[in-house]
Amino acid sequence: MTSPIVHRLGETEIITLIDGHGRAPNGLFPAFDPARAEAAAAQSGEAYDGRTVNVPIQGFAIRRGADVTIVDAGAPDGYSDTTGAYLDSLAAAGIAPGDVTRLAMTHLHVDHVGQLARPDGSATFPNAELIHGAADWDHFTSDAVYARTKEGGRERASLDSSRRAIRPYAHQRRGVTGETEIAPGLTMVPLPGHTPGHCGIRVSDGTETLLIWGDTIHANAFQLALPEWGVLFDVDGEAAIATRKRLFDELATDHTPVLGPHVPTPGPWHVERAPLGFRLVPA
C-alpha cells in the first residue's frame, strides 16, 4: 500500500486517491491530427508512443478535522487491469467508508462513481450524502437516453454500471444547479459539456483556493495545448470545448492551482499560456 499524496490548503487536507490509469487511443479524440498530437505532447512533456496517451484515474478526499468529503470514487471492479487501487488508497489515508460525510461527484461517468456501491449493491459510504449536478442525475437515469444506447454495446454497459453505483443513494442525494456551497469552503462550480451536470469543486481555506476541475481534460499530453480537442463521450462537445477554453484562460490569469481525476500526480498545478495553447506547470 503506497503512502497517500497529501496537499494542505490552510487547515484543509486534500488527499489524492489513486485508482490506477488507462491508455487512451488516438481515436478517442475526434479532432485528432498526428502532427498536432506530436507537437502538443512534446510541449506537455508527456510520453506519447504515437498511438495512445496516459489517462490517470483517481479521486480525492478533502478532510477538515472529522469532516470528510470524497470527490469522485474511482472505477468499478474489473474496469481494467490497471485500476483497482481506489479503496486501498482510501485506507492508506486512514479513512473508513463509514466516516465519510459527503460524496461530491464531478459527474456520474463510470470511472468516477465506480466504488460508490459494494458488490452486493449496498452503499460503500452508508453515512454520506451524494451531491451532484442536477442535470447529471436526470441524464444518467433517463429512459430516453438509455434507449438510445445499443444493447450489448460499451455505452450501454457503462450506463448500467453508473446506474448501479448511484442507485443506493437515490434517497440520500442532492442535485445542485449553479455555483453552490455544499459545505464551508467547498463549492460546486458548473463546468458543462462533458456531461450536462459536470462540475468542478472549489476548495477554499482562508485566502487559499484550489480547483478540482473534473474531466476538463482526459489527456494532459493533448488537451492543454489543444483545448479544442474533446473526447468521443462528451455529451455536448461544443459546450465542453467552450468550457475548457474559458477555464484555461481564467486559470492562466488568476493562477488558481488545480487538481483533477485525469491530471498527473502529484500536483497541484498551475495553468500557464504556452507557445501552443496552454500547459500545466507545478504550482
Protein backbone atom coordinates (compact mmCIF):
# COMPACT_ATOMS: atom_id res chain seq x y z
CA MET A 1 0.00 0.00 0.00
CA THR A 2 1.57 3.30 -1.11
CA SER A 3 1.72 6.40 1.06
CA PRO A 4 -1.09 8.87 0.34
CA ILE A 5 -0.39 12.06 -1.61
CA VAL A 6 -1.47 14.94 0.62
CA HIS A 7 -1.72 18.62 -0.26
CA ARG A 8 -2.51 21.09 2.53
CA LEU A 9 -4.57 24.18 1.97
CA GLY A 10 -4.65 26.13 5.22
CA GLU A 11 -6.18 23.70 7.74
CA THR A 12 -7.60 21.51 4.97
CA GLU A 13 -6.06 18.29 3.67
CA ILE A 14 -6.65 17.30 0.05
CA ILE A 15 -5.64 13.67 -0.44
CA THR A 16 -5.26 12.10 -3.88
CA LEU A 17 -6.88 8.66 -4.00
CA ILE A 18 -5.14 6.80 -6.82
CA ASP A 19 -7.18 4.11 -8.55
CA GLY A 20 -4.85 3.38 -11.49
CA HIS A 21 -4.57 4.54 -15.06
CA GLY A 22 -5.68 3.82 -18.59
CA ARG A 23 -4.38 4.36 -22.12
CA ALA A 24 -6.47 6.48 -24.47
CA PRO A 25 -6.16 5.68 -28.19
CA ASN A 26 -5.87 8.43 -30.77
CA GLY A 27 -9.41 7.66 -31.89
CA LEU A 28 -10.83 8.91 -28.58
CA PHE A 29 -10.19 12.44 -29.84
CA PRO A 30 -12.46 13.29 -32.82
CA ALA A 31 -10.19 16.14 -33.97
CA PHE A 32 -7.02 14.03 -33.82
CA ASP A 33 -4.22 15.02 -36.17
CA PRO A 34 -0.82 13.24 -35.94
CA ALA A 35 1.43 16.29 -36.37
CA ARG A 36 -0.54 18.40 -33.87
CA ALA A 37 -0.58 15.50 -31.42
CA GLU A 38 3.21 15.18 -31.58
CA ALA A 39 3.67 18.92 -31.03
CA ALA A 40 1.21 19.03 -28.13
CA ALA A 41 2.77 16.03 -26.39
CA ALA A 42 6.27 17.46 -26.81
CA GLN A 43 5.18 20.72 -25.16
CA SER A 44 3.47 18.88 -22.29
CA GLY A 45 6.48 16.70 -21.52
CA GLU A 46 4.22 13.62 -21.54
CA ALA A 47 5.39 10.41 -23.20
CA TYR A 48 3.50 9.68 -26.42
CA ASP A 49 4.04 6.49 -28.40
CA GLY A 50 2.14 7.68 -31.47
CA ARG A 51 -0.89 5.50 -30.66
CA THR A 52 -2.02 6.09 -27.07
CA VAL A 53 -1.67 8.56 -24.20
CA ASN A 54 -1.79 8.02 -20.46
CA VAL A 55 -5.02 8.78 -18.56
CA PRO A 56 -4.66 8.71 -14.76
CA ILE A 57 -7.77 7.63 -12.85
CA GLN A 58 -8.13 8.99 -9.32
CA GLY A 59 -10.37 10.72 -6.82
CA PHE A 60 -9.80 12.92 -3.81
CA ALA A 61 -10.62 13.10 -0.12
CA ILE A 62 -10.98 16.52 1.48
CA ARG A 63 -10.52 16.36 5.24
CA ARG A 64 -11.17 19.11 7.78
CA GLY A 65 -10.99 17.69 11.26
CA ALA A 66 -13.55 14.90 11.41
CA ASP A 67 -15.39 16.10 8.29
CA VAL A 68 -14.51 14.10 5.16
CA THR A 69 -15.72 14.82 1.63
CA ILE A 70 -14.97 12.41 -1.20
CA VAL A 71 -14.62 13.88 -4.68
CA ASP A 72 -15.13 11.06 -7.21
CA ALA A 73 -14.96 7.37 -6.38
CA GLY A 74 -12.84 5.60 -8.98
CA ALA A 75 -13.68 2.86 -11.45
CA PRO A 76 -15.72 -0.28 -10.71
CA ASP A 77 -14.16 -3.67 -10.02
CA GLY A 78 -12.88 -5.23 -13.21
CA TYR A 79 -12.78 -1.94 -15.13
CA SER A 80 -9.25 -2.67 -16.34
CA ASP A 81 -6.11 -4.47 -15.25
CA THR A 82 -4.51 -1.11 -14.39
CA THR A 83 -7.19 0.06 -11.93
CA GLY A 84 -8.49 -1.26 -8.62
CA ALA A 85 -6.44 0.61 -6.01
CA TYR A 86 -9.09 3.16 -5.00
CA LEU A 87 -10.29 1.63 -1.73
CA ASP A 88 -6.70 0.73 -0.80
CA SER A 89 -5.77 4.39 -1.31
CA LEU A 90 -8.67 5.42 0.92
CA ALA A 91 -7.50 3.02 3.64
CA ALA A 92 -3.92 4.27 3.33
CA ALA A 93 -5.23 7.77 4.04
CA GLY A 94 -6.73 6.49 7.29
CA ILE A 95 -10.32 6.99 6.13
CA ALA A 96 -13.02 4.38 6.77
CA PRO A 97 -16.01 4.49 4.39
CA GLY A 98 -18.37 4.97 7.32
CA ASP A 99 -16.54 8.17 8.29
CA VAL A 100 -17.28 9.95 5.00
CA THR A 101 -19.70 12.87 5.36
CA ARG A 102 -20.49 13.64 1.73
CA LEU A 103 -19.76 12.47 -1.81
CA ALA A 104 -19.24 15.37 -4.23
CA MET A 105 -19.27 13.87 -7.71
CA THR A 106 -17.82 15.94 -10.55
CA HIS A 107 -20.11 13.86 -12.78
CA LEU A 108 -21.59 10.38 -12.96
CA HIS A 109 -19.47 8.58 -15.55
CA VAL A 110 -18.49 5.07 -14.53
CA ASP A 111 -14.81 5.81 -13.77
CA HIS A 112 -15.91 8.44 -11.24
CA VAL A 113 -18.65 6.58 -9.38
CA GLY A 114 -17.38 3.00 -9.65
CA GLN A 115 -16.74 2.36 -5.96
CA LEU A 116 -19.89 4.03 -4.61
CA ALA A 117 -21.58 0.60 -4.37
CA ARG A 118 -20.35 -2.70 -2.96
CA PRO A 119 -20.59 -5.95 -4.96
CA ASP A 120 -23.90 -6.74 -3.22
CA GLY A 121 -25.35 -3.38 -4.38
CA SER A 122 -25.26 -1.67 -0.98
CA ALA A 123 -23.74 1.76 -0.39
CA THR A 124 -19.99 1.75 0.20
CA PHE A 125 -20.38 5.05 2.09
CA PRO A 126 -23.58 4.45 4.10
CA ASN A 127 -23.46 7.70 6.10
CA ALA A 128 -22.69 10.04 3.20
CA GLU A 129 -24.93 12.28 1.14
CA LEU A 130 -24.41 12.07 -2.62
CA ILE A 131 -24.11 15.55 -4.18
CA HIS A 132 -24.05 16.02 -7.96
CA GLY A 133 -25.00 18.37 -10.76
CA ALA A 134 -28.79 18.08 -11.01
CA ALA A 135 -28.72 17.65 -14.79
CA ASP A 136 -26.42 14.63 -14.47
CA TRP A 137 -28.90 12.59 -12.44
CA ASP A 138 -31.62 13.40 -14.95
CA HIS A 139 -29.34 12.36 -17.83
CA PHE A 140 -27.95 9.15 -16.37
CA THR A 141 -31.33 7.87 -15.15
CA SER A 142 -33.25 8.92 -18.28
CA ASP A 143 -35.12 6.11 -20.04
CA ALA A 144 -34.83 8.06 -23.30
CA VAL A 145 -31.04 8.33 -23.01
CA TYR A 146 -30.82 4.64 -22.15
CA ALA A 147 -32.95 3.68 -25.15
CA ARG A 148 -30.52 5.48 -27.47
CA THR A 149 -27.65 3.21 -26.40
CA LYS A 150 -27.01 -0.07 -28.18
CA GLU A 151 -27.90 -3.26 -26.35
CA GLY A 152 -24.68 -5.15 -25.67
CA GLY A 153 -22.59 -2.07 -26.54
CA ARG A 154 -19.95 -0.35 -24.45
CA GLU A 155 -22.04 2.78 -23.89
CA ARG A 156 -24.96 0.71 -22.57
CA ALA A 157 -22.63 -1.25 -20.26
CA SER A 158 -21.09 1.97 -18.95
CA LEU A 159 -24.51 3.44 -18.26
CA ASP A 160 -25.60 0.25 -16.50
CA SER A 161 -22.53 0.46 -14.25
CA SER A 162 -23.16 4.12 -13.41
CA ARG A 163 -26.80 3.42 -12.59
CA ARG A 164 -25.87 0.51 -10.35
CA ALA A 165 -23.30 2.62 -8.50
CA ILE A 166 -25.61 5.56 -7.74
CA ARG A 167 -28.77 3.54 -7.01
CA PRO A 168 -28.07 3.08 -3.25
CA TYR A 169 -28.03 6.87 -2.81
CA ALA A 170 -31.34 7.64 -4.51
CA HIS A 171 -32.86 8.73 -1.19
CA GLN A 172 -29.75 10.40 0.24
CA ARG A 173 -28.72 12.68 -2.57
CA ARG A 174 -28.83 16.33 -3.57
CA GLY A 175 -28.72 17.76 -7.09
CA VAL A 176 -27.30 21.26 -7.41
CA THR A 177 -27.53 23.94 -10.09
CA GLY A 178 -25.30 26.98 -10.43
CA GLU A 179 -22.45 27.69 -8.02
CA THR A 180 -23.49 26.03 -4.76
CA GLU A 181 -21.65 25.91 -1.44
CA ILE A 182 -22.08 22.33 -0.20
CA ALA A 183 -20.04 22.78 3.00
CA PRO A 184 -17.94 25.59 4.46
CA GLY A 185 -15.16 26.21 1.95
CA LEU A 186 -16.47 23.71 -0.62
CA THR A 187 -18.32 24.98 -3.68
CA MET A 188 -19.68 23.05 -6.66
CA VAL A 189 -18.85 25.02 -9.83
CA PRO A 190 -20.69 24.21 -13.09
CA LEU A 191 -18.35 23.20 -15.96
CA PRO A 192 -20.88 21.96 -18.52
CA GLY A 193 -20.33 19.99 -21.69
CA HIS A 194 -18.62 16.72 -20.84
CA THR A 195 -21.90 15.77 -19.17
CA PRO A 196 -24.95 18.02 -18.64
CA GLY A 197 -24.26 18.47 -14.93
CA HIS A 198 -20.45 18.29 -14.98
CA CYS A 199 -18.92 20.30 -12.12
CA GLY A 200 -15.66 21.25 -10.51
CA ILE A 201 -15.13 21.53 -6.75
CA ARG A 202 -13.58 24.78 -5.49
CA VAL A 203 -11.82 24.33 -2.16
CA SER A 204 -11.17 27.45 -0.08
CA ASP A 205 -9.48 27.89 3.28
CA GLY A 206 -8.73 31.43 4.41
CA THR A 207 -7.14 33.22 1.47
CA GLU A 208 -6.11 29.99 -0.30
CA THR A 209 -8.11 28.38 -3.09
CA LEU A 210 -7.75 25.26 -5.25
CA LEU A 211 -9.96 23.83 -8.00
CA ILE A 212 -10.61 20.14 -8.65
CA TRP A 213 -11.76 20.50 -12.24
CA GLY A 214 -13.35 17.14 -13.02
CA ASP A 215 -12.99 15.94 -16.60
CA THR A 216 -11.94 19.27 -18.03
CA ILE A 217 -9.16 17.16 -19.56
CA HIS A 218 -8.59 13.45 -20.07
CA ALA A 219 -5.11 13.66 -21.58
CA ASN A 220 -2.57 16.21 -20.43
CA ALA A 221 -0.49 15.26 -23.48
CA PHE A 222 -3.01 16.84 -25.84
CA GLN A 223 -5.76 18.95 -24.33
CA LEU A 224 -3.87 21.78 -22.61
CA ALA A 225 -2.12 22.66 -25.84
CA LEU A 226 -5.21 21.88 -27.92
CA PRO A 227 -8.30 22.79 -25.85
CA GLU A 228 -10.44 22.38 -28.97
CA TRP A 229 -9.81 18.62 -28.79
CA GLY A 230 -12.68 16.94 -26.99
CA VAL A 231 -13.37 13.24 -26.46
CA LEU A 232 -15.93 10.94 -28.04
CA PHE A 233 -18.01 10.65 -24.89
CA ASP A 234 -18.53 14.38 -24.37
CA VAL A 235 -22.32 14.70 -24.25
CA ASP A 236 -22.11 18.22 -25.71
CA GLY A 237 -18.76 18.55 -27.43
CA GLU A 238 -19.05 22.22 -28.35
CA ALA A 239 -20.01 23.19 -24.80
CA ALA A 240 -17.10 21.14 -23.40
CA ILE A 241 -14.65 22.94 -25.71
CA ALA A 242 -16.05 26.35 -24.73
CA THR A 243 -15.80 25.46 -21.03
CA ARG A 244 -12.21 24.25 -21.43
CA LYS A 245 -11.07 27.36 -23.31
CA ARG A 246 -12.75 29.72 -20.83
CA LEU A 247 -11.41 27.90 -17.81
CA PHE A 248 -7.83 27.66 -19.10
CA ASP A 249 -7.84 31.40 -19.79
CA GLU A 250 -9.20 32.20 -16.33
CA LEU A 251 -6.74 29.93 -14.54
CA ALA A 252 -3.77 31.25 -16.51
CA THR A 253 -4.79 34.74 -15.36
CA ASP A 254 -5.67 34.17 -11.70
CA HIS A 255 -3.17 31.32 -11.06
CA THR A 256 -5.59 29.19 -9.03
CA PRO A 257 -3.91 25.78 -8.56
CA VAL A 258 -5.70 22.73 -9.95
CA LEU A 259 -6.05 19.01 -9.44
CA GLY A 260 -8.18 16.61 -11.46
CA PRO A 261 -9.23 12.97 -11.82
CA HIS A 262 -7.18 12.65 -15.03
CA VAL A 263 -4.38 15.09 -14.16
CA PRO A 264 -0.85 13.76 -13.49
CA THR A 265 0.26 13.26 -9.90
CA PRO A 266 1.39 14.62 -7.58
CA GLY A 267 0.18 18.15 -8.37
CA PRO A 268 -1.21 20.62 -7.75
CA TRP A 269 -0.58 22.50 -10.98
CA HIS A 270 -0.90 25.96 -12.46
CA VAL A 271 -2.16 26.57 -15.98
CA GLU A 272 0.11 28.86 -17.97
CA ARG A 273 -0.06 30.20 -21.51
CA ALA A 274 2.37 28.47 -23.84
CA PRO A 275 3.52 28.70 -27.47
CA LEU A 276 0.83 26.15 -28.30
CA GLY A 277 -2.27 26.94 -26.24
CA PHE A 278 -1.56 26.22 -22.56
CA ARG A 279 0.37 23.79 -20.39
CA LEU A 280 0.50 22.59 -16.77
CA VAL A 281 3.41 23.63 -14.56
CA PRO A 282 3.98 22.72 -10.90
CA ALA A 283 2.20 25.09 -8.52
